[in-house]
Amino acid sequence: MPGGYGRGVPDAIFAHSRLAPVYDAFDGPRDDLAAYVGIAGELGADRVLDVGCGTGCLAILLAGTGRTVVGVDPAAASIEVARSKDGSAAVTWIQGDAAAIPAIGADLALMTGNVAQVFLTDEDWAQVLRAIGAALRPCGYLVFETRRPARRAWEEWAADTGLLTLDIPGRGPVEQRREVTAVNLPLVSFRCTYRFLADGAVVTSDSTLRFRGLGELESSLAAQGYHVLDVREAPDRPGREFVVIARRAT
């Protein structure tokens, strides 16, 4: 479950100096990323903007294919983790919100990890769509994923109350517990609590996501000058996600 990019202050899981370094371990294998590298190839995208790049997994993977990649995220702690990884020097990293997205003439902008759901208000969502549009070349592409509301993922989250403990190199054993704290559709809020067993420190991260239906997505994109070309499944999560491929009108 991703955290907040669009509310000015990123969620602690991305911004806290103790949580950002353990994010990848709890997020697990990123089986979703190969599909986006494939889409970049399908669209002939050589210059790519990764919006809400987090700890940089996709940006570094894309840069490894020889593409020019810019990763943008508001959480300085996540950008620091990204910079520490092998291959990170090939990516241009920018710490900032939607207003920091540069006008680079990108062929493609990506929002993976359900980043699109952290923009809670219509204006927040419109603002990031405008900022991405300004960063794209004429007729450039925007590709993003978002959970299907009909799948009601929050019910699965609420049922998953177990404690997960991972032994993380350099950090020791860390416990994670997740709980849904509010369901006020289209908004769903949840909390992740982390206990660092090496010293007993407890850090919590609160998040809220917005679930948009396909009709709402299409109309909001059209209002900001995008044309939806295709809506696909996420190959690793069939039936759970919309993967939207849109093109800037001009």
C-alpha atoms as a PDB file:
ATOM      1  CA  MET A   1       0.000   0.000   0.000  1.00  0.00           C
ATOM      2  CA  PRO A   2       1.601   3.266  -1.057  1.00  0.00           C
ATOM      3  CA  GLY A   3       1.735   6.453   0.927  1.00  0.00           C
ATOM      4  CA  GLY A   4       1.130  10.110   0.248  1.00  0.00           C
ATOM      5  CA  TYR A   5       2.765  12.145  -2.491  1.00  0.00           C
ATOM      6  CA  GLY A   6       0.066  14.708  -3.115  1.00  0.00           C
ATOM      7  CA  ARG A   7      -0.702  16.251   0.265  1.00  0.00           C
ATOM      8  CA  GLY A   8       2.397  18.363   0.760  1.00  0.00           C
ATOM      9  CA  VAL A   9       3.929  16.217   3.543  1.00  0.00           C
ATOM     10  CA  PRO A  10       4.774  12.650   2.489  1.00  0.00           C
ATOM     11  CA  ASP A  11       3.672   9.743   4.650  1.00  0.00           C
ATOM     12  CA  ALA A  12       6.208   8.593   7.242  1.00  0.00           C
ATOM     13  CA  ILE A  13       6.868   5.280   5.487  1.00  0.00           C
ATOM     14  CA  PHE A  14       8.557   7.316   2.746  1.00  0.00           C
ATOM     15  CA  ALA A  15       9.797  10.333   4.684  1.00  0.00           C
ATOM     16  CA  HIS A  16      10.923   9.021   8.088  1.00  0.00           C
ATOM     17  CA  SER A  17      14.640   8.390   8.356  1.00  0.00           C
ATOM     18  CA  ARG A  18      14.078   4.953   9.933  1.00  0.00           C
ATOM     19  CA  LEU A  19      11.182   3.794   7.774  1.00  0.00           C
ATOM     20  CA  ALA A  20      12.366   4.689   4.268  1.00  0.00           C
ATOM     21  CA  PRO A  21      15.393   2.345   4.496  1.00  0.00           C
ATOM     22  CA  VAL A  22      13.144  -0.650   5.344  1.00  0.00           C
ATOM     23  CA  TYR A  23      10.446   0.125   2.772  1.00  0.00           C
ATOM     24  CA  ASP A  24      11.830  -2.109   0.016  1.00  0.00           C
ATOM     25  CA  ALA A  25      12.132  -5.114   2.331  1.00  0.00           C
ATOM     26  CA  PHE A  26       8.473  -4.935   3.370  1.00  0.00           C
ATOM     27  CA  ASP A  27       7.303  -4.040  -0.137  1.00  0.00           C
ATOM     28  CA  GLY A  28       8.722  -7.329  -1.404  1.00  0.00           C
ATOM     29  CA  PRO A  29       9.787  -8.318  -4.924  1.00  0.00           C
ATOM     30  CA  ARG A  30       8.759  -5.735  -7.528  1.00  0.00           C
ATOM     31  CA  ASP A  31       7.283  -8.174 -10.040  1.00  0.00           C
ATOM     32  CA  ASP A  32       5.217  -5.313 -11.461  1.00  0.00           C
ATOM     33  CA  LEU A  33       8.128  -3.342 -12.885  1.00  0.00           C
ATOM     34  CA  ALA A  34       8.997  -5.435 -15.927  1.00  0.00           C
ATOM     35  CA  ALA A  35       5.602  -4.627 -17.443  1.00  0.00           C
ATOM     36  CA  TYR A  36       6.364  -0.901 -17.306  1.00  0.00           C
ATOM     37  CA  VAL A  37       9.767  -1.344 -18.919  1.00  0.00           C
ATOM     38  CA  GLY A  38       7.927  -3.250 -21.635  1.00  0.00           C
ATOM     39  CA  ILE A  39       5.402  -0.442 -22.071  1.00  0.00           C
ATOM     40  CA  ALA A  40       8.229   2.095 -22.356  1.00  0.00           C
ATOM     41  CA  GLY A  41       9.632   0.007 -25.182  1.00  0.00           C
ATOM     42  CA  GLU A  42       6.238  -0.385 -26.829  1.00  0.00           C
ATOM     43  CA  LEU A  43       5.748   3.393 -26.824  1.00  0.00           C
ATOM     44  CA  GLY A  44       9.268   4.105 -28.049  1.00  0.00           C
ATOM     45  CA  ALA A  45      10.039   6.176 -24.959  1.00  0.00           C
ATOM     46  CA  ASP A  46      13.692   7.177 -24.581  1.00  0.00           C
ATOM     47  CA  ARG A  47      13.211   9.994 -22.042  1.00  0.00           C
ATOM     48  CA  VAL A  48      11.143   8.895 -19.032  1.00  0.00           C
ATOM     49  CA  LEU A  49       9.821  10.722 -15.971  1.00  0.00           C
ATOM     50  CA  ASP A  50       9.093   8.587 -12.889  1.00  0.00           C
ATOM     51  CA  VAL A  51       6.590  10.532 -10.770  1.00  0.00           C
ATOM     52  CA  GLY A  52       6.544   9.457  -7.124  1.00  0.00           C
ATOM     53  CA  CYS A  53       9.689   7.414  -7.701  1.00  0.00           C
ATOM     54  CA  GLY A  54      10.075   6.495  -4.026  1.00  0.00           C
ATOM     55  CA  THR A  55      13.205   4.443  -3.405  1.00  0.00           C
ATOM     56  CA  GLY A  56      13.996   4.377  -7.106  1.00  0.00           C
ATOM     57  CA  CYS A  57      13.483   0.740  -8.122  1.00  0.00           C
ATOM     58  CA  LEU A  58      11.792   1.494 -11.452  1.00  0.00           C
ATOM     59  CA  ALA A  59      13.875   4.562 -12.310  1.00  0.00           C
ATOM     60  CA  ILE A  60      17.122   2.619 -11.897  1.00  0.00           C
ATOM     61  CA  LEU A  61      15.750  -0.316 -13.891  1.00  0.00           C
ATOM     62  CA  LEU A  62      14.756   1.994 -16.747  1.00  0.00           C
ATOM     63  CA  ALA A  63      18.085   3.819 -16.684  1.00  0.00           C
ATOM     64  CA  GLY A  64      19.816   0.446 -16.940  1.00  0.00           C
ATOM     65  CA  THR A  65      18.236   0.022 -20.386  1.00  0.00           C
ATOM     66  CA  GLY A  66      20.006   3.155 -21.620  1.00  0.00           C
ATOM     67  CA  ARG A  67      17.077   5.530 -21.269  1.00  0.00           C
ATOM     68  CA  THR A  68      17.312   9.053 -19.877  1.00  0.00           C
ATOM     69  CA  VAL A  69      15.387   8.944 -16.603  1.00  0.00           C
ATOM     70  CA  VAL A  70      14.281  11.603 -14.119  1.00  0.00           C
ATOM     71  CA  GLY A  71      12.852  10.480 -10.770  1.00  0.00           C
ATOM     72  CA  VAL A  72      10.740  12.891  -8.705  1.00  0.00           C
ATOM     73  CA  ASP A  73       9.506  12.361  -5.153  1.00  0.00           C
ATOM     74  CA  PRO A  74       8.676  14.680  -2.223  1.00  0.00           C
ATOM     75  CA  ALA A  75      10.283  12.416   0.390  1.00  0.00           C
ATOM     76  CA  ALA A  76      13.939  13.270   0.931  1.00  0.00           C
ATOM     77  CA  ALA A  77      14.530  10.043   2.882  1.00  0.00           C
ATOM     78  CA  SER A  78      13.317   7.933  -0.047  1.00  0.00           C
ATOM     79  CA  ILE A  79      15.455   9.871  -2.508  1.00  0.00           C
ATOM     80  CA  GLU A  80      18.435   9.260  -0.199  1.00  0.00           C
ATOM     81  CA  VAL A  81      17.750   5.510  -0.311  1.00  0.00           C
ATOM     82  CA  ALA A  82      17.445   5.669  -4.101  1.00  0.00           C
ATOM     83  CA  ARG A  83      20.772   7.482  -4.423  1.00  0.00           C
ATOM     84  CA  SER A  84      22.492   4.774  -2.365  1.00  0.00           C
ATOM     85  CA  LYS A  85      21.628   1.981  -4.833  1.00  0.00           C
ATOM     86  CA  ASP A  86      23.783   0.550  -7.583  1.00  0.00           C
ATOM     87  CA  GLY A  87      22.985   2.247 -10.876  1.00  0.00           C
ATOM     88  CA  SER A  88      21.515   5.336  -9.247  1.00  0.00           C
ATOM     89  CA  ALA A  89      24.085   7.671 -10.797  1.00  0.00           C
ATOM     90  CA  ALA A  90      22.414   7.171 -14.182  1.00  0.00           C
ATOM     91  CA  VAL A  91      19.179   8.777 -12.894  1.00  0.00           C
ATOM     92  CA  THR A  92      18.505  12.462 -12.277  1.00  0.00           C
ATOM     93  CA  TRP A  93      16.824  12.636  -8.850  1.00  0.00           C
ATOM     94  CA  ILE A  94      14.593  15.561  -7.856  1.00  0.00           C
ATOM     95  CA  GLN A  95      13.164  15.946  -4.362  1.00  0.00           C
ATOM     96  CA  GLY A  96       9.861  17.819  -4.525  1.00  0.00           C
ATOM     97  CA  ASP A  97       6.115  17.683  -5.120  1.00  0.00           C
ATOM     98  CA  ALA A  98       4.211  18.064  -8.382  1.00  0.00           C
ATOM     99  CA  ALA A  99       5.374  21.664  -8.739  1.00  0.00           C
ATOM    100  CA  ALA A 100       8.967  20.407  -8.930  1.00  0.00           C
ATOM    101  CA  ILE A 101       8.360  18.269 -12.015  1.00  0.00           C
ATOM    102  CA  PRO A 102      10.671  19.707 -14.671  1.00  0.00           C
ATOM    103  CA  ALA A 103       9.647  20.534 -18.238  1.00  0.00           C
ATOM    104  CA  ILE A 104      12.025  18.001 -19.764  1.00  0.00           C
ATOM    105  CA  GLY A 105      10.115  17.069 -22.903  1.00  0.00           C
ATOM    106  CA  ALA A 106       9.657  13.508 -21.667  1.00  0.00           C
ATOM    107  CA  ASP A 107       8.334  10.869 -24.023  1.00  0.00           C
ATOM    108  CA  LEU A 108       6.655   9.085 -21.129  1.00  0.00           C
ATOM    109  CA  ALA A 109       5.649   9.794 -17.529  1.00  0.00           C
ATOM    110  CA  LEU A 110       4.971   6.867 -15.207  1.00  0.00           C
ATOM    111  CA  MET A 111       3.154   6.587 -11.884  1.00  0.00           C
ATOM    112  CA  THR A 112       3.505   3.076 -10.490  1.00  0.00           C
ATOM    113  CA  GLY A 113       2.872   1.644  -7.034  1.00  0.00           C
ATOM    114  CA  ASN A 114      -0.609   3.226  -7.088  1.00  0.00           C
ATOM    115  CA  VAL A 115       0.912   6.694  -6.676  1.00  0.00           C
ATOM    116  CA  ALA A 116      -2.119   8.032  -8.565  1.00  0.00           C
ATOM    117  CA  GLN A 117      -4.312   7.180  -5.558  1.00  0.00           C
ATOM    118  CA  VAL A 118      -2.566   9.506  -3.119  1.00  0.00           C
ATOM    119  CA  PHE A 119      -4.014  12.636  -4.790  1.00  0.00           C
ATOM    120  CA  LEU A 120      -7.114  12.899  -2.669  1.00  0.00           C
ATOM    121  CA  THR A 121      -8.934  15.952  -4.008  1.00  0.00           C
ATOM    122  CA  ASP A 122      -9.989  16.747  -7.543  1.00  0.00           C
ATOM    123  CA  GLU A 123      -7.691  19.768  -7.518  1.00  0.00           C
ATOM    124  CA  ASP A 124      -4.691  17.747  -6.290  1.00  0.00           C
ATOM    125  CA  TRP A 125      -5.249  15.255  -9.102  1.00  0.00           C
ATOM    126  CA  ALA A 126      -5.794  17.969 -11.712  1.00  0.00           C
ATOM    127  CA  GLN A 127      -2.643  19.757 -10.547  1.00  0.00           C
ATOM    128  CA  VAL A 128      -0.401  16.735 -10.994  1.00  0.00           C
ATOM    129  CA  LEU A 129      -1.939  15.964 -14.385  1.00  0.00           C
ATOM    130  CA  ARG A 130      -1.203  19.533 -15.489  1.00  0.00           C
ATOM    131  CA  ALA A 131       2.351  19.363 -14.147  1.00  0.00           C
ATOM    132  CA  ILE A 132       2.991  16.083 -15.933  1.00  0.00           C
ATOM    133  CA  GLY A 133       1.494  17.486 -19.131  1.00  0.00           C
ATOM    134  CA  ALA A 134       3.915  20.403 -18.963  1.00  0.00           C
ATOM    135  CA  ALA A 135       6.817  17.966 -18.517  1.00  0.00           C
ATOM    136  CA  LEU A 136       5.867  15.844 -21.544  1.00  0.00           C
ATOM    137  CA  ARG A 137       6.721  16.514 -25.152  1.00  0.00           C
ATOM    138  CA  PRO A 138       3.743  17.185 -27.458  1.00  0.00           C
ATOM    139  CA  CYS A 139       1.763  13.943 -27.769  1.00  0.00           C
ATOM    140  CA  GLY A 140       3.840  12.382 -24.990  1.00  0.00           C
ATOM    141  CA  TYR A 141       2.422   9.532 -22.924  1.00  0.00           C
ATOM    142  CA  LEU A 142       1.219   9.131 -19.340  1.00  0.00           C
ATOM    143  CA  VAL A 143       0.937   5.614 -17.899  1.00  0.00           C
ATOM    144  CA  PHE A 144      -0.272   4.890 -14.388  1.00  0.00           C
ATOM    145  CA  GLU A 145      -1.931   2.229 -12.300  1.00  0.00           C
ATOM    146  CA  THR A 146      -4.731   2.484  -9.772  1.00  0.00           C
ATOM    147  CA  ARG A 147      -6.766  -0.101  -7.882  1.00  0.00           C
ATOM    148  CA  ARG A 148     -10.213  -1.045  -9.154  1.00  0.00           C
ATOM    149  CA  PRO A 149     -12.792   0.155  -6.594  1.00  0.00           C
ATOM    150  CA  ALA A 150     -15.060  -2.811  -7.316  1.00  0.00           C
ATOM    151  CA  ARG A 151     -12.389  -5.170  -6.024  1.00  0.00           C
ATOM    152  CA  ARG A 152     -12.728  -3.568  -2.545  1.00  0.00           C
ATOM    153  CA  ALA A 153      -9.077  -4.087  -1.609  1.00  0.00           C
ATOM    154  CA  TRP A 154      -9.625  -2.436   1.785  1.00  0.00           C
ATOM    155  CA  GLU A 155     -11.631  -5.463   2.912  1.00  0.00           C
ATOM    156  CA  GLU A 156      -8.607  -7.691   2.343  1.00  0.00           C
ATOM    157  CA  TRP A 157      -6.411  -5.185   4.183  1.00  0.00           C
ATOM    158  CA  ALA A 158      -8.801  -5.130   7.146  1.00  0.00           C
ATOM    159  CA  ALA A 159      -8.731  -8.916   7.351  1.00  0.00           C
ATOM    160  CA  ASP A 160      -4.930  -9.017   7.257  1.00  0.00           C
ATOM    161  CA  THR A 161      -4.100  -8.190  10.869  1.00  0.00           C
ATOM    162  CA  GLY A 162      -1.102 -10.479  11.259  1.00  0.00           C
ATOM    163  CA  LEU A 163       2.314  -9.359  12.431  1.00  0.00           C
ATOM    164  CA  LEU A 164       5.131  -9.545   9.875  1.00  0.00           C
ATOM    165  CA  THR A 165       8.714  -9.644  11.148  1.00  0.00           C
ATOM    166  CA  LEU A 166      11.718  -9.291   8.852  1.00  0.00           C
ATOM    167  CA  ASP A 167      15.401  -9.388   9.716  1.00  0.00           C
ATOM    168  CA  ILE A 168      16.788  -6.492   7.704  1.00  0.00           C
ATOM    169  CA  PRO A 169      20.540  -6.180   7.136  1.00  0.00           C
ATOM    170  CA  GLY A 170      21.954  -3.260   9.062  1.00  0.00           C
ATOM    171  CA  ARG A 171      18.657  -2.728  10.918  1.00  0.00           C
ATOM    172  CA  GLY A 172      18.001  -6.013  12.681  1.00  0.00           C
ATOM    173  CA  PRO A 173      14.533  -7.536  13.138  1.00  0.00           C
ATOM    174  CA  VAL A 174      11.627  -5.178  12.428  1.00  0.00           C
ATOM    175  CA  GLU A 175       7.941  -5.884  13.037  1.00  0.00           C
ATOM    176  CA  GLN A 176       5.175  -4.475  10.851  1.00  0.00           C
ATOM    177  CA  ARG A 177       1.471  -4.411  11.648  1.00  0.00           C
ATOM    178  CA  ARG A 178      -1.159  -2.898   9.319  1.00  0.00           C
ATOM    179  CA  GLU A 179      -4.707  -1.807  10.120  1.00  0.00           C
ATOM    180  CA  VAL A 180      -7.470  -0.051   8.236  1.00  0.00           C
ATOM    181  CA  THR A 181      -8.491   2.997  10.250  1.00  0.00           C
ATOM    182  CA  ALA A 182     -11.341   4.482   8.173  1.00  0.00           C
ATOM    183  CA  VAL A 183     -13.415   3.690   5.101  1.00  0.00           C
ATOM    184  CA  ASN A 184     -15.236   6.768   3.821  1.00  0.00           C
ATOM    185  CA  LEU A 185     -15.448   6.012   0.126  1.00  0.00           C
ATOM    186  CA  PRO A 186     -13.902   7.032  -2.123  1.00  0.00           C
ATOM    187  CA  LEU A 187     -11.271   7.485   0.623  1.00  0.00           C
ATOM    188  CA  VAL A 188      -9.682   4.670   2.618  1.00  0.00           C
ATOM    189  CA  SER A 189      -7.215   5.287   5.462  1.00  0.00           C
ATOM    190  CA  PHE A 190      -4.811   2.848   7.071  1.00  0.00           C
ATOM    191  CA  ARG A 191      -1.922   2.778   9.514  1.00  0.00           C
ATOM    192  CA  CYS A 192       1.331   0.826   9.462  1.00  0.00           C
ATOM    193  CA  THR A 193       3.152   0.408  12.782  1.00  0.00           C
ATOM    194  CA  TYR A 194       6.808  -0.603  12.854  1.00  0.00           C
ATOM    195  CA  ARG A 195       8.706  -1.830  15.904  1.00  0.00           C
ATOM    196  CA  PHE A 196      12.507  -1.968  15.667  1.00  0.00           C
ATOM    197  CA  LEU A 197      13.389  -4.833  17.974  1.00  0.00           C
ATOM    198  CA  ALA A 198      17.058  -3.822  18.238  1.00  0.00           C
ATOM    199  CA  ASP A 199      16.155  -0.820  20.377  1.00  0.00           C
ATOM    200  CA  GLY A 200      12.367  -1.045  20.846  1.00  0.00           C
ATOM    201  CA  ALA A 201      11.607   2.096  18.835  1.00  0.00           C
ATOM    202  CA  VAL A 202       8.058   2.271  17.437  1.00  0.00           C
ATOM    203  CA  VAL A 203       7.214   4.407  14.416  1.00  0.00           C
ATOM    204  CA  THR A 204       3.786   4.693  12.775  1.00  0.00           C
ATOM    205  CA  SER A 205       2.806   5.815   9.290  1.00  0.00           C
ATOM    206  CA  ASP A 206      -0.743   6.937   8.429  1.00  0.00           C
ATOM    207  CA  SER A 207      -1.953   6.959   4.827  1.00  0.00           C
ATOM    208  CA  THR A 208      -5.119   7.728   2.875  1.00  0.00           C
ATOM    209  CA  LEU A 209      -5.883   6.629  -0.683  1.00  0.00           C
ATOM    210  CA  ARG A 210      -8.612   7.649  -3.116  1.00  0.00           C
ATOM    211  CA  PHE A 211     -10.316   4.995  -5.226  1.00  0.00           C
ATOM    212  CA  ARG A 212     -11.430   6.377  -8.600  1.00  0.00           C
ATOM    213  CA  GLY A 213     -13.593   4.472 -11.038  1.00  0.00           C
ATOM    214  CA  LEU A 214     -12.705   4.207 -14.695  1.00  0.00           C
ATOM    215  CA  GLY A 215     -15.288   6.769 -15.793  1.00  0.00           C
ATOM    216  CA  GLU A 216     -13.951   9.322 -13.318  1.00  0.00           C
ATOM    217  CA  LEU A 217     -10.399   8.668 -14.453  1.00  0.00           C
ATOM    218  CA  GLU A 218     -11.260   9.089 -18.115  1.00  0.00           C
ATOM    219  CA  SER A 219     -13.187  12.337 -17.583  1.00  0.00           C
ATOM    220  CA  SER A 220     -10.473  13.823 -15.371  1.00  0.00           C
ATOM    221  CA  LEU A 221      -7.811  12.992 -17.936  1.00  0.00           C
ATOM    222  CA  ALA A 222      -9.869  14.475 -20.767  1.00  0.00           C
ATOM    223  CA  ALA A 223     -10.348  17.672 -18.763  1.00  0.00           C
ATOM    224  CA  GLN A 224      -6.560  18.097 -18.609  1.00  0.00           C
ATOM    225  CA  GLY A 225      -5.921  17.422 -22.282  1.00  0.00           C
ATOM    226  CA  TYR A 226      -5.220  13.680 -22.334  1.00  0.00           C
ATOM    227  CA  HIS A 227      -6.726  11.019 -24.559  1.00  0.00           C
ATOM    228  CA  VAL A 228      -7.010   7.499 -23.083  1.00  0.00           C
ATOM    229  CA  LEU A 229      -5.555   4.998 -25.545  1.00  0.00           C
ATOM    230  CA  ASP A 230      -5.904   1.805 -23.547  1.00  0.00           C
ATOM    231  CA  VAL A 231      -6.798   0.406 -20.128  1.00  0.00           C
ATOM    232  CA  ARG A 232      -5.044  -2.836 -19.247  1.00  0.00           C
ATOM    233  CA  GLU A 233      -4.655  -5.323 -16.441  1.00  0.00           C
ATOM    234  CA  ALA A 234      -1.581  -5.312 -14.259  1.00  0.00           C
ATOM    235  CA  PRO A 235      -0.011  -8.630 -15.319  1.00  0.00           C
ATOM    236  CA  ASP A 236       1.027  -9.547 -11.779  1.00  0.00           C
ATOM    237  CA  ARG A 237      -2.355  -8.581 -10.235  1.00  0.00           C
ATOM    238  CA  PRO A 238      -5.110  -9.656 -12.638  1.00  0.00           C
ATOM    239  CA  GLY A 239      -8.503  -8.150 -11.860  1.00  0.00           C
ATOM    240  CA  ARG A 240      -7.137  -5.779  -9.235  1.00  0.00           C
ATOM    241  CA  GLU A 241      -5.786  -2.773 -11.147  1.00  0.00           C
ATOM    242  CA  PHE A 242      -6.454  -0.415 -14.003  1.00  0.00           C
ATOM    243  CA  VAL A 243      -3.280   0.290 -15.973  1.00  0.00           C
ATOM    244  CA  VAL A 244      -4.151   3.435 -17.924  1.00  0.00           C
ATOM    245  CA  ILE A 245      -2.229   4.461 -21.051  1.00  0.00           C
ATOM    246  CA  ALA A 246      -3.011   8.029 -22.093  1.00  0.00           C
ATOM    247  CA  ARG A 247      -1.504  10.517 -24.513  1.00  0.00           C
ATOM    248  CA  ARG A 248      -1.203  14.245 -24.206  1.00  0.00           C
ATOM    249  CA  ALA A 249      -3.403  15.824 -26.858  1.00  0.00           C
ATOM    250  CA  THR A 250      -0.816  18.317 -28.121  1.00  0.00           C
END
